[in-house]
Every structure is written in structure tokens, then in C-alpha cells.
């Protein structure tokens, strides 16, 4: 929690009560949002970070987690449903290479 990332989910609303998100998917419910990635499809997102002062490399950790339900719903119902790690990648990037390769070059008045 509190880490950068993106959530993919189908969000259901209970027709009778208007409550959402709904855990009881077997009740009559409406789909109010669905941004899940279709089978065999892909998605891409970008994130920005402040570079640490004085470091010569950074470590990037990327994880794809399967979460059965929203944290607030699990807490409310007192259900212990741990995340399932689907994919994980750790990359060490030397900052010299990062700075030379990825930062844009500014050319113009005063440069």
C-alpha cells in the first residue's frame, strides 16, 4: 500500500442496496467499471521517481499481484486473503547509464 502502480478490476454494484464494491457477485449486480486486461492482451504504464542523491545505481522492483478483493472490503469482513504473486522482476540500473540514456536533453535559450 502506498506504492506507485495501477489497479485492474471489475467493479460491481449491488442493485438492491446500491453498495459497491460488491463481494456477493451471485446477487443481482451491475458492472460500474471494468478495466481488466483481456486475455492475451498487454498494457503499459509509466512512473516517475526522484533519484536518490549520491547513489550510483537504483533498484526497480515490479510486481503483478492478484488480489481477490479490495483491501477495505477484506478489512470490513475480517477476511485474511493474501495477495498472490503472479510475476515479479527486479532490475538494477546504474545511474550513469540511466542519466545518459533516458533523461531528455534541453536545448534552447540559457542552456
N, C-alpha and C. Protein backbone atom coordinates (compact mmCIF):
# COMPACT_ATOMS: atom_id res chain seq x y z
N UNK A 1 0.84 -1.17 0.00
CA UNK A 1 0.00 0.00 0.00
C UNK A 1 0.89 1.24 0.00
N UNK A 2 0.46 2.28 -0.68
CA UNK A 2 1.24 3.49 -0.74
C UNK A 2 2.33 3.48 -1.79
N UNK A 3 2.40 2.44 -2.59
CA UNK A 3 3.39 2.34 -3.65
C UNK A 3 2.77 2.72 -4.99
N UNK A 4 3.57 3.24 -5.92
CA UNK A 4 3.02 3.56 -7.24
C UNK A 4 2.58 2.29 -7.95
N UNK A 5 1.58 2.40 -8.77
CA UNK A 5 1.12 1.24 -9.51
C UNK A 5 -0.21 1.51 -10.17
N UNK A 6 -0.81 0.45 -10.64
CA UNK A 6 -2.08 0.54 -11.36
C UNK A 6 -2.97 -0.62 -10.92
N UNK A 7 -4.25 -0.36 -10.77
CA UNK A 7 -5.20 -1.39 -10.36
C UNK A 7 -6.09 -1.73 -11.55
N UNK A 8 -6.24 -3.01 -11.80
CA UNK A 8 -7.16 -3.50 -12.82
C UNK A 8 -8.25 -4.28 -12.11
N UNK A 9 -9.51 -3.96 -12.39
CA UNK A 9 -10.58 -4.62 -11.65
C UNK A 9 -11.92 -4.48 -12.37
N UNK A 10 -12.82 -5.39 -12.04
CA UNK A 10 -14.23 -5.24 -12.41
C UNK A 10 -14.94 -4.82 -11.13
N UNK A 11 -15.60 -3.68 -11.18
CA UNK A 11 -16.27 -3.11 -10.02
C UNK A 11 -17.77 -3.32 -10.15
N UNK A 12 -18.33 -4.07 -9.19
CA UNK A 12 -19.76 -4.40 -9.21
C UNK A 12 -20.51 -3.59 -8.16
N UNK A 13 -21.77 -3.26 -8.48
CA UNK A 13 -22.65 -2.55 -7.55
C UNK A 13 -23.89 -3.40 -7.31
N UNK A 14 -24.26 -3.58 -6.04
CA UNK A 14 -25.46 -4.32 -5.67
C UNK A 14 -26.68 -3.53 -6.12
N UNK A 15 -27.56 -4.15 -6.92
CA UNK A 15 -28.74 -3.46 -7.46
C UNK A 15 -29.70 -3.06 -6.34
N UNK A 16 -29.92 -3.93 -5.36
CA UNK A 16 -30.89 -3.66 -4.30
C UNK A 16 -30.44 -2.56 -3.35
N UNK A 17 -29.17 -2.58 -2.94
CA UNK A 17 -28.71 -1.62 -1.93
C UNK A 17 -27.96 -0.43 -2.52
N UNK A 18 -27.41 -0.60 -3.72
CA UNK A 18 -26.58 0.46 -4.31
C UNK A 18 -25.15 0.45 -3.78
N UNK A 19 -24.84 -0.51 -2.91
CA UNK A 19 -23.48 -0.60 -2.35
C UNK A 19 -22.49 -1.08 -3.39
N UNK A 20 -21.28 -0.57 -3.28
CA UNK A 20 -20.16 -1.06 -4.09
C UNK A 20 -18.87 -0.76 -3.36
N UNK A 21 -17.82 -1.50 -3.56
CA UNK A 21 -17.76 -2.69 -4.39
C UNK A 21 -18.50 -3.86 -3.73
N UNK A 22 -19.01 -4.76 -4.54
CA UNK A 22 -19.80 -5.90 -4.08
C UNK A 22 -18.94 -7.15 -4.08
N UNK A 23 -19.01 -7.90 -3.00
CA UNK A 23 -18.33 -9.19 -2.90
C UNK A 23 -19.29 -10.29 -3.33
N UNK A 24 -20.56 -10.10 -3.05
CA UNK A 24 -21.59 -11.11 -3.34
C UNK A 24 -22.00 -11.02 -4.82
N UNK A 25 -21.11 -11.48 -5.69
CA UNK A 25 -21.34 -11.38 -7.13
C UNK A 25 -22.51 -12.25 -7.60
N UNK A 26 -22.97 -13.18 -6.76
CA UNK A 26 -24.10 -14.04 -7.14
C UNK A 26 -25.43 -13.31 -7.00
N UNK A 27 -25.44 -12.16 -6.28
CA UNK A 27 -26.65 -11.35 -6.20
C UNK A 27 -26.77 -10.53 -7.49
N UNK A 28 -27.95 -9.97 -7.71
CA UNK A 28 -28.12 -9.12 -8.88
C UNK A 28 -27.22 -7.90 -8.72
N UNK A 29 -26.34 -7.70 -9.68
CA UNK A 29 -25.40 -6.59 -9.60
C UNK A 29 -25.15 -6.01 -10.98
N UNK A 30 -24.66 -4.78 -10.98
CA UNK A 30 -24.33 -4.08 -12.22
C UNK A 30 -22.83 -3.86 -12.28
N UNK A 31 -22.28 -3.94 -13.47
CA UNK A 31 -20.87 -3.61 -13.66
C UNK A 31 -20.79 -2.09 -13.82
N UNK A 32 -20.11 -1.42 -12.87
CA UNK A 32 -20.00 0.04 -12.99
C UNK A 32 -18.64 0.46 -13.54
N UNK A 33 -17.67 -0.46 -13.55
CA UNK A 33 -16.37 -0.20 -14.16
C UNK A 33 -15.68 -1.53 -14.41
N UNK A 34 -14.92 -1.61 -15.49
CA UNK A 34 -14.16 -2.82 -15.79
C UNK A 34 -12.97 -2.45 -16.66
N UNK A 35 -11.80 -2.40 -16.06
CA UNK A 35 -10.60 -2.07 -16.82
C UNK A 35 -9.60 -3.22 -16.81
N UNK A 36 -10.09 -4.44 -16.61
CA UNK A 36 -9.20 -5.60 -16.61
C UNK A 36 -8.55 -5.77 -17.99
N UNK A 37 -7.38 -6.36 -18.01
CA UNK A 37 -6.67 -6.61 -19.27
C UNK A 37 -7.23 -7.89 -19.88
N UNK A 38 -7.74 -7.82 -21.11
CA UNK A 38 -8.27 -9.03 -21.75
C UNK A 38 -7.19 -10.10 -21.94
N UNK A 39 -7.63 -11.34 -22.07
CA UNK A 39 -6.71 -12.45 -22.30
C UNK A 39 -5.84 -12.18 -23.52
N UNK A 40 -4.56 -12.49 -23.40
CA UNK A 40 -3.55 -12.34 -24.45
C UNK A 40 -3.28 -10.89 -24.84
N UNK A 41 -3.80 -9.94 -24.08
CA UNK A 41 -3.55 -8.52 -24.35
C UNK A 41 -2.44 -8.03 -23.42
N UNK A 42 -2.05 -6.78 -23.59
CA UNK A 42 -0.99 -6.19 -22.77
C UNK A 42 -1.39 -4.77 -22.40
N UNK A 43 -0.71 -4.24 -21.41
CA UNK A 43 -0.92 -2.86 -21.01
C UNK A 43 0.43 -2.28 -20.62
N UNK A 44 0.56 -0.98 -20.75
CA UNK A 44 1.82 -0.30 -20.44
C UNK A 44 1.50 0.93 -19.61
N UNK A 45 2.31 1.21 -18.61
CA UNK A 45 2.15 2.42 -17.82
C UNK A 45 3.54 2.96 -17.47
N UNK A 46 3.60 4.23 -17.11
CA UNK A 46 4.87 4.88 -16.79
C UNK A 46 4.79 5.49 -15.40
N UNK A 47 5.94 5.54 -14.71
CA UNK A 47 6.01 6.09 -13.37
C UNK A 47 7.29 6.91 -13.26
N UNK A 48 7.22 8.00 -12.54
CA UNK A 48 8.38 8.85 -12.32
C UNK A 48 8.81 8.81 -10.87
N UNK A 49 10.11 8.90 -10.64
CA UNK A 49 10.65 8.84 -9.29
C UNK A 49 11.77 9.86 -9.15
N UNK A 50 11.95 10.34 -7.94
CA UNK A 50 13.09 11.20 -7.63
C UNK A 50 14.31 10.31 -7.50
N UNK A 51 15.41 10.70 -8.10
CA UNK A 51 16.64 9.92 -7.99
C UNK A 51 17.28 10.17 -6.63
N UNK A 52 17.79 9.13 -6.00
CA UNK A 52 18.45 9.31 -4.70
C UNK A 52 19.77 10.06 -4.87
N UNK A 53 20.05 10.96 -3.96
CA UNK A 53 21.28 11.73 -4.00
C UNK A 53 22.48 10.86 -3.65
N UNK A 54 23.51 10.92 -4.47
CA UNK A 54 24.76 10.23 -4.17
C UNK A 54 24.77 8.74 -4.51
N UNK A 55 23.67 8.19 -4.98
CA UNK A 55 23.65 6.75 -5.31
C UNK A 55 24.25 6.53 -6.69
N UNK A 56 24.90 5.40 -6.89
CA UNK A 56 25.45 5.09 -8.21
C UNK A 56 24.60 4.10 -8.99
N UNK A 57 23.55 3.58 -8.34
CA UNK A 57 22.60 2.70 -9.02
C UNK A 57 21.26 2.75 -8.29
N UNK A 58 20.21 2.33 -8.99
CA UNK A 58 18.89 2.23 -8.37
C UNK A 58 18.35 0.83 -8.62
N UNK A 59 17.47 0.39 -7.74
CA UNK A 59 16.83 -0.91 -7.90
C UNK A 59 15.35 -0.68 -8.20
N UNK A 60 14.88 -1.24 -9.31
CA UNK A 60 13.48 -1.15 -9.69
C UNK A 60 12.83 -2.50 -9.43
N UNK A 61 11.75 -2.51 -8.66
CA UNK A 61 11.00 -3.73 -8.37
C UNK A 61 9.63 -3.61 -9.01
N UNK A 62 9.28 -4.56 -9.86
CA UNK A 62 7.96 -4.57 -10.49
C UNK A 62 7.26 -5.88 -10.12
N UNK A 63 6.00 -5.77 -9.71
CA UNK A 63 5.24 -6.96 -9.32
C UNK A 63 3.85 -6.89 -9.91
N UNK A 64 3.34 -8.05 -10.31
CA UNK A 64 1.94 -8.19 -10.71
C UNK A 64 1.30 -9.07 -9.65
N UNK A 65 0.34 -8.49 -8.92
CA UNK A 65 -0.33 -9.20 -7.83
C UNK A 65 -1.77 -9.50 -8.21
N UNK A 66 -2.24 -10.67 -7.81
CA UNK A 66 -3.66 -11.00 -7.92
C UNK A 66 -4.25 -10.81 -6.54
N UNK A 67 -5.21 -9.91 -6.44
CA UNK A 67 -5.88 -9.63 -5.17
C UNK A 67 -7.35 -9.99 -5.35
N UNK A 68 -7.86 -10.85 -4.51
CA UNK A 68 -9.23 -11.36 -4.66
C UNK A 68 -10.30 -10.31 -4.42
N UNK A 69 -10.01 -9.35 -3.54
CA UNK A 69 -10.98 -8.29 -3.29
C UNK A 69 -10.27 -7.06 -2.75
N UNK A 70 -10.99 -5.95 -2.73
CA UNK A 70 -10.42 -4.70 -2.28
C UNK A 70 -10.05 -4.79 -0.81
N UNK A 71 -8.94 -4.10 -0.41
CA UNK A 71 -8.48 -4.14 0.98
C UNK A 71 -9.55 -3.72 1.96
N UNK A 72 -10.27 -2.63 1.66
CA UNK A 72 -11.26 -2.14 2.62
C UNK A 72 -12.38 -3.15 2.83
N UNK A 73 -12.75 -3.90 1.80
CA UNK A 73 -13.79 -4.93 1.94
C UNK A 73 -13.25 -6.09 2.78
N UNK A 74 -12.03 -6.51 2.53
CA UNK A 74 -11.42 -7.60 3.31
C UNK A 74 -11.31 -7.20 4.79
N UNK A 75 -10.92 -5.96 5.05
CA UNK A 75 -10.82 -5.49 6.44
C UNK A 75 -12.18 -5.46 7.11
N UNK A 76 -13.17 -4.94 6.39
CA UNK A 76 -14.53 -4.85 6.95
C UNK A 76 -15.08 -6.22 7.31
N UNK A 77 -14.83 -7.21 6.48
CA UNK A 77 -15.35 -8.56 6.72
C UNK A 77 -14.39 -9.41 7.55
N UNK A 78 -13.21 -8.83 7.88
CA UNK A 78 -12.19 -9.54 8.65
C UNK A 78 -11.75 -10.83 7.96
N UNK A 79 -11.58 -10.74 6.64
CA UNK A 79 -11.11 -11.87 5.85
C UNK A 79 -9.62 -11.73 5.62
N UNK A 80 -8.87 -12.78 5.87
CA UNK A 80 -7.44 -12.80 5.60
C UNK A 80 -7.24 -13.45 4.24
N UNK A 81 -7.08 -12.61 3.23
CA UNK A 81 -6.93 -13.11 1.86
C UNK A 81 -5.64 -12.53 1.28
N UNK A 82 -4.52 -13.21 1.47
CA UNK A 82 -3.25 -12.66 0.99
C UNK A 82 -3.19 -12.55 -0.53
N UNK A 83 -2.39 -11.58 -0.99
CA UNK A 83 -2.18 -11.42 -2.43
C UNK A 83 -1.45 -12.62 -2.99
N UNK A 84 -1.66 -12.89 -4.27
CA UNK A 84 -0.94 -13.95 -4.97
C UNK A 84 0.01 -13.28 -5.96
N UNK A 85 1.31 -13.57 -5.82
CA UNK A 85 2.32 -13.01 -6.71
C UNK A 85 2.23 -13.73 -8.07
N UNK A 86 1.90 -12.98 -9.11
CA UNK A 86 1.78 -13.55 -10.45
C UNK A 86 3.10 -13.43 -11.21
N UNK A 87 3.73 -12.28 -11.13
CA UNK A 87 5.02 -12.03 -11.79
C UNK A 87 5.81 -11.06 -10.93
N UNK A 88 7.13 -11.17 -11.01
CA UNK A 88 8.00 -10.24 -10.29
C UNK A 88 9.29 -10.08 -11.07
N UNK A 89 9.76 -8.84 -11.16
CA UNK A 89 11.02 -8.55 -11.84
C UNK A 89 11.77 -7.51 -11.03
N UNK A 90 13.05 -7.73 -10.80
CA UNK A 90 13.91 -6.78 -10.11
C UNK A 90 15.01 -6.40 -11.08
N UNK A 91 15.23 -5.09 -11.24
CA UNK A 91 16.22 -4.60 -12.19
C UNK A 91 17.12 -3.61 -11.48
N UNK A 92 18.44 -3.80 -11.59
CA UNK A 92 19.42 -2.86 -11.05
C UNK A 92 19.90 -2.00 -12.22
N UNK A 93 19.74 -0.67 -12.08
CA UNK A 93 20.10 0.23 -13.17
C UNK A 93 21.20 1.17 -12.69
N UNK A 94 22.39 1.13 -13.33
CA UNK A 94 23.43 2.10 -12.99
C UNK A 94 22.95 3.50 -13.36
N UNK A 95 23.10 4.46 -12.45
CA UNK A 95 22.58 5.81 -12.70
C UNK A 95 23.30 6.51 -13.84
N UNK A 96 24.59 6.26 -14.04
CA UNK A 96 25.28 6.89 -15.16
C UNK A 96 24.62 6.49 -16.47
N UNK A 97 24.32 5.21 -16.64
CA UNK A 97 23.65 4.72 -17.84
C UNK A 97 22.26 5.32 -17.93
N UNK A 98 21.56 5.35 -16.80
CA UNK A 98 20.20 5.89 -16.76
C UNK A 98 20.21 7.35 -17.21
N UNK A 99 21.09 8.16 -16.64
CA UNK A 99 21.13 9.58 -16.96
C UNK A 99 21.51 9.80 -18.43
N UNK A 100 22.47 9.04 -18.92
CA UNK A 100 22.91 9.21 -20.30
C UNK A 100 21.85 8.74 -21.29
N UNK A 101 21.10 7.74 -20.93
CA UNK A 101 20.18 7.11 -21.87
C UNK A 101 18.78 7.70 -21.85
N UNK A 102 18.27 8.05 -20.66
CA UNK A 102 16.85 8.33 -20.57
C UNK A 102 16.45 9.77 -20.28
N UNK A 103 17.33 10.59 -19.73
CA UNK A 103 16.93 11.95 -19.43
C UNK A 103 16.95 12.80 -20.69
N UNK A 104 15.93 13.64 -20.90
CA UNK A 104 15.88 14.45 -22.11
C UNK A 104 16.95 15.54 -22.09
N UNK A 105 17.40 15.92 -23.26
CA UNK A 105 18.39 16.97 -23.42
C UNK A 105 17.67 18.29 -23.65
N UNK A 106 18.01 19.32 -22.87
CA UNK A 106 17.40 20.63 -23.02
C UNK A 106 18.27 21.51 -23.89
N UNK A 107 17.74 21.99 -24.98
CA UNK A 107 18.46 22.90 -25.86
C UNK A 107 17.59 24.12 -26.08
N UNK A 108 18.11 25.28 -25.83
CA UNK A 108 17.35 26.50 -26.02
C UNK A 108 18.01 27.67 -25.32
N UNK A 109 17.31 28.80 -25.22
CA UNK A 109 17.88 29.99 -24.59
C UNK A 109 18.32 29.70 -23.16
N UNK A 110 19.50 30.11 -22.81
CA UNK A 110 20.01 29.95 -21.44
C UNK A 110 20.63 28.60 -21.17
N UNK A 111 20.70 27.72 -22.16
CA UNK A 111 21.30 26.41 -21.88
C UNK A 111 22.75 26.36 -22.27
